[in-house]
């Protein structure tokens, strides 16, 4: 058992990447099954149609909007220095701001002292690692989506014959709950991207479309995602106009409030509701143990743990098969008003 735990810890990055690939495979498989229901094509062909459509959309996106997005991202990088200079001048006009400036260790003659070669080497290593991870993620996802029964049967054969029926029920519950969660996340991300992009555009913030896209994508990362998208938006708006920076900050706050108080309760009624405290603890724990990737997959991993505990311990060991107030397969409950 100890060797098993040690091996899992050593291979934690690979296991987390495999779990992420499983999430993508669920999306591909469900899409393929939807095509199979609407057309004479089998599910496997439907998966390949989904993959082909996604590849085509990415190609069209790169050909048509890629250059413009590239110019906007380049402009983001160009705007950051002026944003910091504007912020420094704004702070220098205030006594408490000057104290903050004096506390920042910056070489005034040569700027911030960076180790250029170390930075370049680290960047290349990170880029190669990310590229390899993406290739593995896509490849594993496609193989899992094309023949899920093969891997399902492989898992079931690891269980005693007398318990395979129950193990199959557990796998079905995991698939069902993860699909509901993913569907809710996609709706949430799309809504955040549209609301943020439109809000920034109405406020006159530069690069509104790109910043809205960033907000939608990073919103997949719980709690941290909104901050990752708000920082560049506020910095760019600040470089253009201080008033726009306040508008940008207000838009992000308003969108997040709308998402948390209006949109997510609606989504959770039809998807999966997870206890907020457990979600926060899971993000902190998986982030501390596995880093950034652990934060990204913390919520679906928590969902897996809840389903396993409910079915294998609460129901099978304790014999409690009727959770009072259960709202979905996770057994998670929420306010009933």
C-alpha atoms as a PDB file:
ATOM      1  CA  UNK A   1       0.000   0.000   0.000  1.00  0.00           C
ATOM      2  CA  UNK A   2       2.813   2.373   0.889  1.00  0.00           C
ATOM      3  CA  UNK A   3       4.529   1.639  -2.420  1.00  0.00           C
ATOM      4  CA  UNK A   4       1.254   2.333  -4.234  1.00  0.00           C
ATOM      5  CA  UNK A   5       0.886   5.717  -2.525  1.00  0.00           C
ATOM      6  CA  UNK A   6       4.530   6.559  -3.228  1.00  0.00           C
ATOM      7  CA  UNK A   7       4.131   5.629  -6.884  1.00  0.00           C
ATOM      8  CA  UNK A   8       0.982   7.737  -7.201  1.00  0.00           C
ATOM      9  CA  UNK A   9       2.791  10.690  -5.634  1.00  0.00           C
ATOM     10  CA  UNK A  10       5.746  10.282  -7.986  1.00  0.00           C
ATOM     11  CA  UNK A  11       3.456  10.106 -11.011  1.00  0.00           C
ATOM     12  CA  UNK A  12       1.078  12.800  -9.752  1.00  0.00           C
ATOM     13  CA  UNK A  13       1.611  15.099 -12.747  1.00  0.00           C
ATOM     14  CA  UNK A  14       0.941  12.276 -15.201  1.00  0.00           C
ATOM     15  CA  UNK A  15      -2.130  11.153 -13.260  1.00  0.00           C
ATOM     16  CA  UNK A  16      -3.549  14.683 -13.123  1.00  0.00           C
ATOM     17  CA  UNK A  17      -2.917  15.090 -16.848  1.00  0.00           C
ATOM     18  CA  UNK A  18      -4.704  11.789 -17.466  1.00  0.00           C
ATOM     19  CA  UNK A  19      -7.646  12.989 -15.393  1.00  0.00           C
ATOM     20  CA  UNK A  20      -7.767  16.221 -17.408  1.00  0.00           C
ATOM     21  CA  UNK A  21      -7.733  14.113 -20.583  1.00  0.00           C
ATOM     22  CA  UNK A  22     -10.634  12.103 -19.171  1.00  0.00           C
ATOM     23  CA  UNK A  23     -12.656  15.311 -18.774  1.00  0.00           C
ATOM     24  CA  UNK A  24     -12.000  16.259 -22.401  1.00  0.00           C
ATOM     25  CA  UNK A  25     -12.836  12.702 -23.488  1.00  0.00           C
ATOM     26  CA  UNK A  26     -16.217  12.944 -21.759  1.00  0.00           C
ATOM     27  CA  UNK A  27     -16.990  16.090 -23.747  1.00  0.00           C
ATOM     28  CA  UNK A  28     -15.907  14.460 -27.013  1.00  0.00           C
ATOM     29  CA  UNK A  29     -17.817  11.251 -26.331  1.00  0.00           C
ATOM     30  CA  UNK A  30     -21.021  13.060 -25.388  1.00  0.00           C
ATOM     31  CA  UNK A  31     -20.738  15.147 -28.530  1.00  0.00           C
ATOM     32  CA  UNK A  32     -20.181  12.021 -30.604  1.00  0.00           C
ATOM     33  CA  UNK A  33     -23.208  10.334 -29.030  1.00  0.00           C
ATOM     34  CA  UNK A  34     -25.336  13.401 -29.794  1.00  0.00           C
ATOM     35  CA  UNK A  35     -24.301  13.209 -33.457  1.00  0.00           C
ATOM     36  CA  UNK A  36     -25.041   9.466 -33.458  1.00  0.00           C
ATOM     37  CA  UNK A  37     -28.573  10.190 -32.217  1.00  0.00           C
ATOM     38  CA  UNK A  38     -29.184  12.788 -34.924  1.00  0.00           C
ATOM     39  CA  UNK A  39     -27.503  10.989 -37.834  1.00  0.00           C
ATOM     40  CA  UNK A  40     -26.890   7.389 -39.022  1.00  0.00           C
ATOM     41  CA  UNK A  41     -23.246   7.704 -37.954  1.00  0.00           C
ATOM     42  CA  UNK A  42     -21.953   5.555 -35.072  1.00  0.00           C
ATOM     43  CA  UNK A  43     -20.631   7.213 -31.922  1.00  0.00           C
ATOM     44  CA  UNK A  44     -16.982   6.698 -32.920  1.00  0.00           C
ATOM     45  CA  UNK A  45     -17.550   8.486 -36.205  1.00  0.00           C
ATOM     46  CA  UNK A  46     -19.376  11.196 -34.296  1.00  0.00           C
ATOM     47  CA  UNK A  47     -16.324  11.687 -32.095  1.00  0.00           C
ATOM     48  CA  UNK A  48     -14.127  12.084 -35.159  1.00  0.00           C
ATOM     49  CA  UNK A  49     -16.623  14.576 -36.598  1.00  0.00           C
ATOM     50  CA  UNK A  50     -16.373  16.606 -33.379  1.00  0.00           C
ATOM     51  CA  UNK A  51     -12.570  16.440 -33.498  1.00  0.00           C
ATOM     52  CA  UNK A  52     -12.590  17.474 -37.160  1.00  0.00           C
ATOM     53  CA  UNK A  53     -14.971  20.365 -36.486  1.00  0.00           C
ATOM     54  CA  UNK A  54     -12.832  21.576 -33.596  1.00  0.00           C
ATOM     55  CA  UNK A  55      -9.679  21.328 -35.706  1.00  0.00           C
ATOM     56  CA  UNK A  56     -11.404  23.220 -38.520  1.00  0.00           C
ATOM     57  CA  UNK A  57     -12.626  25.938 -36.183  1.00  0.00           C
ATOM     58  CA  UNK A  58      -9.147  26.329 -34.718  1.00  0.00           C
ATOM     59  CA  UNK A  59      -7.674  26.561 -38.216  1.00  0.00           C
ATOM     60  CA  UNK A  60     -10.227  29.176 -39.303  1.00  0.00           C
ATOM     61  CA  UNK A  61      -9.691  31.071 -36.078  1.00  0.00           C
ATOM     62  CA  UNK A  62      -5.935  31.149 -36.575  1.00  0.00           C
ATOM     63  CA  UNK A  63      -6.243  32.149 -40.240  1.00  0.00           C
ATOM     64  CA  UNK A  64      -8.850  34.869 -39.758  1.00  0.00           C
ATOM     65  CA  UNK A  65      -8.541  36.177 -36.214  1.00  0.00           C
ATOM     66  CA  UNK A  66      -5.083  34.871 -35.334  1.00  0.00           C
ATOM     67  CA  UNK A  67      -3.121  37.848 -36.712  1.00  0.00           C
ATOM     68  CA  UNK A  68      -5.460  40.317 -35.023  1.00  0.00           C
ATOM     69  CA  UNK A  69      -5.326  38.469 -31.704  1.00  0.00           C
ATOM     70  CA  UNK A  70      -1.541  38.288 -32.029  1.00  0.00           C
ATOM     71  CA  UNK A  71      -1.360  42.038 -32.548  1.00  0.00           C
ATOM     72  CA  UNK A  72      -3.618  42.577 -29.543  1.00  0.00           C
ATOM     73  CA  UNK A  73      -1.487  40.346 -27.320  1.00  0.00           C
ATOM     74  CA  UNK A  74       1.615  42.162 -28.564  1.00  0.00           C
ATOM     75  CA  UNK A  75      -0.088  45.408 -27.700  1.00  0.00           C
ATOM     76  CA  UNK A  76      -0.831  44.040 -24.234  1.00  0.00           C
ATOM     77  CA  UNK A  77       2.881  43.406 -23.715  1.00  0.00           C
ATOM     78  CA  UNK A  78       3.679  46.883 -25.037  1.00  0.00           C
ATOM     79  CA  UNK A  79       1.113  48.523 -22.777  1.00  0.00           C
ATOM     80  CA  UNK A  80       2.315  46.947 -19.531  1.00  0.00           C
ATOM     81  CA  UNK A  81       5.468  49.107 -19.152  1.00  0.00           C
ATOM     82  CA  UNK A  82       3.504  52.324 -19.672  1.00  0.00           C
ATOM     83  CA  UNK A  83       0.871  51.065 -17.231  1.00  0.00           C
ATOM     84  CA  UNK A  84       3.500  50.581 -14.544  1.00  0.00           C
ATOM     85  CA  UNK A  85       5.017  53.988 -15.291  1.00  0.00           C
ATOM     86  CA  UNK A  86       1.613  55.652 -15.048  1.00  0.00           C
ATOM     87  CA  UNK A  87       0.919  53.816 -11.800  1.00  0.00           C
ATOM     88  CA  UNK A  88       4.299  54.880 -10.427  1.00  0.00           C
ATOM     89  CA  UNK A  89       3.612  58.541 -11.251  1.00  0.00           C
ATOM     90  CA  UNK A  90       0.185  58.251  -9.660  1.00  0.00           C
ATOM     91  CA  UNK A  91       1.683  56.733  -6.506  1.00  0.00           C
ATOM     92  CA  UNK A  92       4.482  59.326  -6.420  1.00  0.00           C
ATOM     93  CA  UNK A  93       1.884  62.076  -5.967  1.00  0.00           C
ATOM     94  CA  UNK A  94       0.817  60.553  -2.659  1.00  0.00           C
ATOM     95  CA  UNK A  95       2.791  60.166   0.562  1.00  0.00           C
ATOM     96  CA  UNK A  96       1.789  56.554   1.147  1.00  0.00           C
ATOM     97  CA  UNK A  97       2.490  55.826  -2.521  1.00  0.00           C
ATOM     98  CA  UNK A  98       6.054  57.117  -2.232  1.00  0.00           C
ATOM     99  CA  UNK A  99       6.607  54.767   0.702  1.00  0.00           C
ATOM    100  CA  UNK A 100       5.489  51.857  -1.500  1.00  0.00           C
ATOM    101  CA  UNK A 101       7.824  52.949  -4.312  1.00  0.00           C
ATOM    102  CA  UNK A 102      10.778  53.224  -1.920  1.00  0.00           C
ATOM    103  CA  UNK A 103      10.056  49.721  -0.623  1.00  0.00           C
ATOM    104  CA  UNK A 104      10.339  48.178  -4.118  1.00  0.00           C
ATOM    105  CA  UNK A 105      13.957  47.094  -4.840  1.00  0.00           C
ATOM    106  CA  UNK A 106      14.490  48.452  -8.376  1.00  0.00           C
ATOM    107  CA  UNK A 107      17.779  49.446  -9.964  1.00  0.00           C
ATOM    108  CA  UNK A 108      17.025  52.953 -11.284  1.00  0.00           C
ATOM    109  CA  UNK A 109      19.878  52.909 -13.789  1.00  0.00           C
ATOM    110  CA  UNK A 110      19.448  49.469 -15.271  1.00  0.00           C
ATOM    111  CA  UNK A 111      15.858  48.701 -14.240  1.00  0.00           C
ATOM    112  CA  UNK A 112      14.961  45.429 -12.614  1.00  0.00           C
ATOM    113  CA  UNK A 113      17.903  43.063 -12.583  1.00  0.00           C
ATOM    114  CA  UNK A 114      16.849  39.962 -14.522  1.00  0.00           C
ATOM    115  CA  UNK A 115      18.957  36.936 -15.262  1.00  0.00           C
ATOM    116  CA  UNK A 116      18.320  36.983 -19.021  1.00  0.00           C
ATOM    117  CA  UNK A 117      19.790  33.585 -19.828  1.00  0.00           C
ATOM    118  CA  UNK A 118      18.052  31.959 -16.891  1.00  0.00           C
ATOM    119  CA  UNK A 119      14.768  33.554 -17.895  1.00  0.00           C
ATOM    120  CA  UNK A 120      15.098  32.414 -21.529  1.00  0.00           C
ATOM    121  CA  UNK A 121      16.051  28.888 -20.495  1.00  0.00           C
ATOM    122  CA  UNK A 122      13.194  28.675 -18.028  1.00  0.00           C
ATOM    123  CA  UNK A 123      10.747  30.002 -20.611  1.00  0.00           C
ATOM    124  CA  UNK A 124      11.868  27.449 -23.218  1.00  0.00           C
ATOM    125  CA  UNK A 125      11.612  24.618 -20.713  1.00  0.00           C
ATOM    126  CA  UNK A 126       8.139  25.732 -19.688  1.00  0.00           C
ATOM    127  CA  UNK A 127       7.033  26.109 -23.320  1.00  0.00           C
ATOM    128  CA  UNK A 128       8.293  22.617 -24.205  1.00  0.00           C
ATOM    129  CA  UNK A 129       6.575  21.158 -21.154  1.00  0.00           C
ATOM    130  CA  UNK A 130       3.290  22.871 -21.983  1.00  0.00           C
ATOM    131  CA  UNK A 131       3.490  21.795 -25.628  1.00  0.00           C
ATOM    132  CA  UNK A 132       4.190  18.190 -24.674  1.00  0.00           C
ATOM    133  CA  UNK A 133       1.369  18.237 -22.160  1.00  0.00           C
ATOM    134  CA  UNK A 134      -1.096  19.569 -24.742  1.00  0.00           C
ATOM    135  CA  UNK A 135      -0.112  16.892 -27.276  1.00  0.00           C
ATOM    136  CA  UNK A 136      -0.515  14.142 -24.679  1.00  0.00           C
ATOM    137  CA  UNK A 137      -3.793  15.637 -23.461  1.00  0.00           C
ATOM    138  CA  UNK A 138      -5.300  15.714 -26.954  1.00  0.00           C
ATOM    139  CA  UNK A 139      -4.029  12.245 -27.907  1.00  0.00           C
ATOM    140  CA  UNK A 140      -5.203  10.515 -24.734  1.00  0.00           C
ATOM    141  CA  UNK A 141      -8.557  12.314 -24.882  1.00  0.00           C
ATOM    142  CA  UNK A 142      -9.254  11.114 -28.419  1.00  0.00           C
ATOM    143  CA  UNK A 143      -8.298   7.497 -27.662  1.00  0.00           C
ATOM    144  CA  UNK A 144     -10.461   7.466 -24.519  1.00  0.00           C
ATOM    145  CA  UNK A 145     -13.417   8.984 -26.368  1.00  0.00           C
ATOM    146  CA  UNK A 146     -13.183   6.563 -29.309  1.00  0.00           C
ATOM    147  CA  UNK A 147     -13.356   3.377 -27.244  1.00  0.00           C
ATOM    148  CA  UNK A 148     -14.440   4.061 -23.644  1.00  0.00           C
ATOM    149  CA  UNK A 149     -15.818   0.527 -23.212  1.00  0.00           C
ATOM    150  CA  UNK A 150     -12.327  -0.937 -23.614  1.00  0.00           C
ATOM    151  CA  UNK A 151     -10.947   1.068 -20.689  1.00  0.00           C
ATOM    152  CA  UNK A 152     -14.125   0.614 -18.670  1.00  0.00           C
ATOM    153  CA  UNK A 153     -13.864  -3.166 -18.954  1.00  0.00           C
ATOM    154  CA  UNK A 154     -10.197  -2.964 -18.041  1.00  0.00           C
ATOM    155  CA  UNK A 155     -11.076  -1.176 -14.803  1.00  0.00           C
ATOM    156  CA  UNK A 156     -13.913  -3.574 -14.023  1.00  0.00           C
ATOM    157  CA  UNK A 157     -11.604  -6.576 -14.426  1.00  0.00           C
ATOM    158  CA  UNK A 158      -9.546  -5.194 -11.537  1.00  0.00           C
ATOM    159  CA  UNK A 159     -12.572  -5.726  -9.283  1.00  0.00           C
ATOM    160  CA  UNK A 160     -13.782  -9.056  -7.919  1.00  0.00           C
ATOM    161  CA  UNK A 161     -16.514 -10.576 -10.143  1.00  0.00           C
ATOM    162  CA  UNK A 162     -19.084 -10.327  -7.351  1.00  0.00           C
ATOM    163  CA  UNK A 163     -18.544  -6.551  -7.083  1.00  0.00           C
ATOM    164  CA  UNK A 164     -18.326  -5.669 -10.772  1.00  0.00           C
ATOM    165  CA  UNK A 165     -21.989  -4.763 -10.989  1.00  0.00           C
ATOM    166  CA  UNK A 166     -21.612  -2.208  -8.206  1.00  0.00           C
ATOM    167  CA  UNK A 167     -18.348  -0.953  -9.699  1.00  0.00           C
ATOM    168  CA  UNK A 168     -20.173  -0.371 -12.981  1.00  0.00           C
ATOM    169  CA  UNK A 169     -22.801   1.690 -11.144  1.00  0.00           C
ATOM    170  CA  UNK A 170     -20.039   3.802  -9.592  1.00  0.00           C
ATOM    171  CA  UNK A 171     -18.420   4.427 -12.976  1.00  0.00           C
ATOM    172  CA  UNK A 172     -21.797   5.400 -14.445  1.00  0.00           C
ATOM    173  CA  UNK A 173     -22.404   7.849 -11.592  1.00  0.00           C
ATOM    174  CA  UNK A 174     -18.949   9.385 -12.058  1.00  0.00           C
ATOM    175  CA  UNK A 175     -19.514   9.790 -15.794  1.00  0.00           C
ATOM    176  CA  UNK A 176     -22.945  11.324 -15.253  1.00  0.00           C
ATOM    177  CA  UNK A 177     -21.808  13.807 -12.602  1.00  0.00           C
ATOM    178  CA  UNK A 178     -18.647  14.859 -14.423  1.00  0.00           C
ATOM    179  CA  UNK A 179     -20.677  15.467 -17.602  1.00  0.00           C
ATOM    180  CA  UNK A 180     -23.164  17.631 -15.715  1.00  0.00           C
ATOM    181  CA  UNK A 181     -20.350  19.594 -14.121  1.00  0.00           C
ATOM    182  CA  UNK A 182     -18.566  20.106 -17.445  1.00  0.00           C
ATOM    183  CA  UNK A 183     -21.768  21.233 -19.136  1.00  0.00           C
ATOM    184  CA  UNK A 184     -22.357  23.762 -16.380  1.00  0.00           C
ATOM    185  CA  UNK A 185     -18.780  25.006 -16.642  1.00  0.00           C
ATOM    186  CA  UNK A 186     -19.073  25.556 -20.392  1.00  0.00           C
ATOM    187  CA  UNK A 187     -22.256  27.593 -19.973  1.00  0.00           C
ATOM    188  CA  UNK A 188     -20.643  29.596 -17.176  1.00  0.00           C
ATOM    189  CA  UNK A 189     -17.457  30.297 -19.151  1.00  0.00           C
ATOM    190  CA  UNK A 190     -19.396  31.402 -22.224  1.00  0.00           C
ATOM    191  CA  UNK A 191     -21.568  33.749 -20.176  1.00  0.00           C
ATOM    192  CA  UNK A 192     -18.569  35.299 -18.402  1.00  0.00           C
ATOM    193  CA  UNK A 193     -16.719  35.798 -21.697  1.00  0.00           C
ATOM    194  CA  UNK A 194     -19.694  37.504 -23.354  1.00  0.00           C
ATOM    195  CA  UNK A 195     -20.627  39.700 -20.390  1.00  0.00           C
ATOM    196  CA  UNK A 196     -17.031  40.770 -19.735  1.00  0.00           C
ATOM    197  CA  UNK A 197     -16.237  41.429 -23.386  1.00  0.00           C
ATOM    198  CA  UNK A 198     -19.409  43.455 -23.967  1.00  0.00           C
ATOM    199  CA  UNK A 199     -18.937  45.383 -20.725  1.00  0.00           C
ATOM    200  CA  UNK A 200     -15.335  46.309 -21.526  1.00  0.00           C
ATOM    201  CA  UNK A 201     -16.329  47.275 -25.074  1.00  0.00           C
ATOM    202  CA  UNK A 202     -19.087  49.576 -23.816  1.00  0.00           C
ATOM    203  CA  UNK A 203     -16.617  51.126 -21.358  1.00  0.00           C
ATOM    204  CA  UNK A 204     -14.189  51.841 -24.192  1.00  0.00           C
ATOM    205  CA  UNK A 205     -11.427  49.614 -22.820  1.00  0.00           C
ATOM    206  CA  UNK A 206      -8.887  48.616 -25.512  1.00  0.00           C
ATOM    207  CA  UNK A 207      -8.692  44.958 -26.561  1.00  0.00           C
ATOM    208  CA  UNK A 208     -12.146  44.229 -25.148  1.00  0.00           C
ATOM    209  CA  UNK A 209     -12.702  41.082 -27.256  1.00  0.00           C
ATOM    210  CA  UNK A 210      -9.374  39.551 -26.295  1.00  0.00           C
ATOM    211  CA  UNK A 211      -9.820  40.419 -22.627  1.00  0.00           C
ATOM    212  CA  UNK A 212     -13.327  38.952 -22.649  1.00  0.00           C
ATOM    213  CA  UNK A 213     -11.964  35.738 -24.173  1.00  0.00           C
ATOM    214  CA  UNK A 214      -9.275  35.593 -21.496  1.00  0.00           C
ATOM    215  CA  UNK A 215     -11.908  36.119 -18.793  1.00  0.00           C
ATOM    216  CA  UNK A 216     -14.017  33.248 -20.108  1.00  0.00           C
ATOM    217  CA  UNK A 217     -11.129  30.794 -20.429  1.00  0.00           C
ATOM    218  CA  UNK A 218      -9.523  31.600 -17.072  1.00  0.00           C
ATOM    219  CA  UNK A 219     -12.898  31.379 -15.338  1.00  0.00           C
ATOM    220  CA  UNK A 220     -12.453  27.590 -15.542  1.00  0.00           C
ATOM    221  CA  UNK A 221      -9.814  27.999 -12.826  1.00  0.00           C
ATOM    222  CA  UNK A 222     -11.765  28.356  -9.575  1.00  0.00           C
ATOM    223  CA  UNK A 223     -11.294  31.509  -7.480  1.00  0.00           C
ATOM    224  CA  UNK A 224      -7.933  32.374  -9.066  1.00  0.00           C
ATOM    225  CA  UNK A 225      -9.174  32.668 -12.658  1.00  0.00           C
ATOM    226  CA  UNK A 226     -11.033  35.987 -12.247  1.00  0.00           C
ATOM    227  CA  UNK A 227      -7.928  37.618 -10.765  1.00  0.00           C
ATOM    228  CA  UNK A 228      -5.740  36.322 -13.604  1.00  0.00           C
ATOM    229  CA  UNK A 229      -8.026  37.934 -16.178  1.00  0.00           C
ATOM    230  CA  UNK A 230      -8.715  41.149 -14.242  1.00  0.00           C
ATOM    231  CA  UNK A 231      -5.050  42.135 -13.813  1.00  0.00           C
ATOM    232  CA  UNK A 232      -4.213  42.652 -17.527  1.00  0.00           C
ATOM    233  CA  UNK A 233      -7.596  44.292 -18.190  1.00  0.00           C
ATOM    234  CA  UNK A 234      -7.200  46.855 -15.415  1.00  0.00           C
ATOM    235  CA  UNK A 235      -3.550  47.475 -16.352  1.00  0.00           C
ATOM    236  CA  UNK A 236      -4.407  48.119 -20.006  1.00  0.00           C
ATOM    237  CA  UNK A 237      -7.333  50.352 -19.089  1.00  0.00           C
ATOM    238  CA  UNK A 238      -5.145  52.255 -16.606  1.00  0.00           C
ATOM    239  CA  UNK A 239      -2.570  52.973 -19.320  1.00  0.00           C
ATOM    240  CA  UNK A 240      -5.316  54.390 -21.536  1.00  0.00           C
ATOM    241  CA  UNK A 241      -7.319  56.274 -18.904  1.00  0.00           C
ATOM    242  CA  UNK A 242      -7.476  56.033 -15.112  1.00  0.00           C
ATOM    243  CA  UNK A 243     -11.263  56.352 -15.240  1.00  0.00           C
ATOM    244  CA  UNK A 244     -11.453  53.369 -17.602  1.00  0.00           C
ATOM    245  CA  UNK A 245      -9.415  51.341 -15.121  1.00  0.00           C
ATOM    246  CA  UNK A 246     -12.097  51.932 -12.498  1.00  0.00           C
ATOM    247  CA  UNK A 247     -14.767  50.957 -15.020  1.00  0.00           C
ATOM    248  CA  UNK A 248     -12.849  47.785 -15.923  1.00  0.00           C
ATOM    249  CA  UNK A 249     -12.488  46.827 -12.268  1.00  0.00           C
ATOM    250  CA  UNK A 250     -16.175  47.500 -11.687  1.00  0.00           C
ATOM    251  CA  UNK A 251     -17.144  45.370 -14.687  1.00  0.00           C
ATOM    252  CA  UNK A 252     -15.144  42.393 -13.423  1.00  0.00           C
ATOM    253  CA  UNK A 253     -16.648  42.746  -9.945  1.00  0.00           C
ATOM    254  CA  UNK A 254     -20.172  43.060 -11.366  1.00  0.00           C
ATOM    255  CA  UNK A 255     -19.759  40.044 -13.671  1.00  0.00           C
ATOM    256  CA  UNK A 256     -18.392  37.894 -10.849  1.00  0.00           C
ATOM    257  CA  UNK A 257     -21.222  38.961  -8.540  1.00  0.00           C
ATOM    258  CA  UNK A 258     -23.776  38.133 -11.230  1.00  0.00           C
ATOM    259  CA  UNK A 259     -22.101  34.792 -11.869  1.00  0.00           C
ATOM    260  CA  UNK A 260     -21.902  33.824  -8.208  1.00  0.00           C
ATOM    261  CA  UNK A 261     -25.333  35.023  -7.072  1.00  0.00           C
ATOM    262  CA  UNK A 262     -27.522  34.571 -10.161  1.00  0.00           C
ATOM    263  CA  UNK A 263     -25.924  32.417 -12.857  1.00  0.00           C
ATOM    264  CA  UNK A 264     -24.293  29.655 -10.802  1.00  0.00           C
ATOM    265  CA  UNK A 265     -27.412  28.885  -8.680  1.00  0.00           C
ATOM    266  CA  UNK A 266     -29.382  28.445 -11.914  1.00  0.00           C
ATOM    267  CA  UNK A 267     -26.671  26.211 -13.391  1.00  0.00           C
ATOM    268  CA  UNK A 268     -26.347  24.159 -10.207  1.00  0.00           C
ATOM    269  CA  UNK A 269     -30.060  23.378 -10.200  1.00  0.00           C
ATOM    270  CA  UNK A 270     -29.586  21.573 -13.506  1.00  0.00           C
ATOM    271  CA  UNK A 271     -25.978  20.453 -13.078  1.00  0.00           C
ATOM    272  CA  UNK A 272     -24.044  19.576  -9.905  1.00  0.00           C
ATOM    273  CA  UNK A 273     -24.008  21.539  -6.654  1.00  0.00           C
ATOM    274  CA  UNK A 274     -20.842  21.191  -4.564  1.00  0.00           C
ATOM    275  CA  UNK A 275     -20.500  22.481  -0.980  1.00  0.00           C
ATOM    276  CA  UNK A 276     -18.563  25.804  -1.193  1.00  0.00           C
ATOM    277  CA  UNK A 277     -16.419  25.095   1.879  1.00  0.00           C
ATOM    278  CA  UNK A 278     -15.314  21.724   0.526  1.00  0.00           C
ATOM    279  CA  UNK A 279     -14.552  23.339  -2.836  1.00  0.00           C
ATOM    280  CA  UNK A 280     -12.300  25.940  -1.213  1.00  0.00           C
ATOM    281  CA  UNK A 281     -10.519  23.340   0.916  1.00  0.00           C
ATOM    282  CA  UNK A 282     -10.021  21.094  -2.116  1.00  0.00           C
ATOM    283  CA  UNK A 283      -8.499  23.932  -4.129  1.00  0.00           C
ATOM    284  CA  UNK A 284      -6.122  24.832  -1.296  1.00  0.00           C
ATOM    285  CA  UNK A 285      -5.156  21.204  -0.650  1.00  0.00           C
ATOM    286  CA  UNK A 286      -4.655  20.138  -4.273  1.00  0.00           C
ATOM    287  CA  UNK A 287      -2.886  23.418  -5.032  1.00  0.00           C
ATOM    288  CA  UNK A 288      -0.451  22.888  -2.160  1.00  0.00           C
ATOM    289  CA  UNK A 289       0.178  19.267  -3.139  1.00  0.00           C
ATOM    290  CA  UNK A 290       0.248  19.423  -6.932  1.00  0.00           C
ATOM    291  CA  UNK A 291       0.684  23.079  -7.893  1.00  0.00           C
ATOM    292  CA  UNK A 292      -1.201  24.912 -10.620  1.00  0.00           C
ATOM    293  CA  UNK A 293      -2.546  21.788 -12.348  1.00  0.00           C
ATOM    294  CA  UNK A 294      -3.924  20.638  -9.010  1.00  0.00           C
ATOM    295  CA  UNK A 295      -5.856  23.904  -8.702  1.00  0.00           C
ATOM    296  CA  UNK A 296      -7.280  23.535 -12.210  1.00  0.00           C
ATOM    297  CA  UNK A 297      -8.695  20.034 -11.621  1.00  0.00           C
ATOM    298  CA  UNK A 298      -9.455  20.422  -7.908  1.00  0.00           C
ATOM    299  CA  UNK A 299     -13.216  20.840  -8.310  1.00  0.00           C
ATOM    300  CA  UNK A 300     -13.849  17.804 -10.566  1.00  0.00           C
ATOM    301  CA  UNK A 301     -11.527  15.742  -8.368  1.00  0.00           C
ATOM    302  CA  UNK A 302     -13.595  16.795  -5.350  1.00  0.00           C
ATOM    303  CA  UNK A 303     -16.689  15.677  -7.238  1.00  0.00           C
ATOM    304  CA  UNK A 304     -15.105  12.265  -7.830  1.00  0.00           C
ATOM    305  CA  UNK A 305     -14.199  11.937  -4.140  1.00  0.00           C
ATOM    306  CA  UNK A 306     -17.732  12.869  -3.036  1.00  0.00           C
ATOM    307  CA  UNK A 307     -19.332  10.307  -5.346  1.00  0.00           C
ATOM    308  CA  UNK A 308     -16.913   7.572  -4.229  1.00  0.00           C
ATOM    309  CA  UNK A 309     -17.411   8.314  -0.528  1.00  0.00           C
ATOM    310  CA  UNK A 310     -21.190   8.455  -0.879  1.00  0.00           C
ATOM    311  CA  UNK A 311     -21.531   5.227  -2.852  1.00  0.00           C
ATOM    312  CA  UNK A 312     -18.704   3.067  -1.483  1.00  0.00           C
ATOM    313  CA  UNK A 313     -18.717   4.172   2.160  1.00  0.00           C
ATOM    314  CA  UNK A 314     -22.005   5.830   3.095  1.00  0.00           C
ATOM    315  CA  UNK A 315     -24.180   3.438   1.100  1.00  0.00           C
ATOM    316  CA  UNK A 316     -22.156   0.204   0.996  1.00  0.00           C
ATOM    317  CA  UNK A 317     -20.436   0.301   4.405  1.00  0.00           C
ATOM    318  CA  UNK A 318     -22.851   2.319   6.546  1.00  0.00           C
ATOM    319  CA  UNK A 319     -25.934   1.084   4.713  1.00  0.00           C
ATOM    320  CA  UNK A 320     -27.422   4.587   4.396  1.00  0.00           C
ATOM    321  CA  UNK A 321     -29.059   4.695   0.965  1.00  0.00           C
ATOM    322  CA  UNK A 322     -31.385   7.656   1.570  1.00  0.00           C
ATOM    323  CA  UNK A 323     -29.526  10.943   1.980  1.00  0.00           C
ATOM    324  CA  UNK A 324     -32.076  13.488   3.159  1.00  0.00           C
ATOM    325  CA  UNK A 325     -32.066  16.651   1.033  1.00  0.00           C
ATOM    326  CA  UNK A 326     -29.961  15.127  -1.730  1.00  0.00           C
ATOM    327  CA  UNK A 327     -30.241  17.197  -4.895  1.00  0.00           C
ATOM    328  CA  UNK A 328     -28.089  15.199  -7.288  1.00  0.00           C
ATOM    329  CA  UNK A 329     -25.898  12.135  -7.551  1.00  0.00           C
ATOM    330  CA  UNK A 330     -23.187  13.729  -5.413  1.00  0.00           C
ATOM    331  CA  UNK A 331     -25.462  13.887  -2.412  1.00  0.00           C
ATOM    332  CA  UNK A 332     -24.540  17.550  -2.041  1.00  0.00           C
ATOM    333  CA  UNK A 333     -27.215  19.731  -0.583  1.00  0.00           C
ATOM    334  CA  UNK A 334     -27.876  23.400  -0.791  1.00  0.00           C
ATOM    335  CA  UNK A 335     -30.240  26.011   0.572  1.00  0.00           C
ATOM    336  CA  UNK A 336     -33.842  25.121  -0.120  1.00  0.00           C
ATOM    337  CA  UNK A 337     -35.889  28.304  -0.206  1.00  0.00           C
END
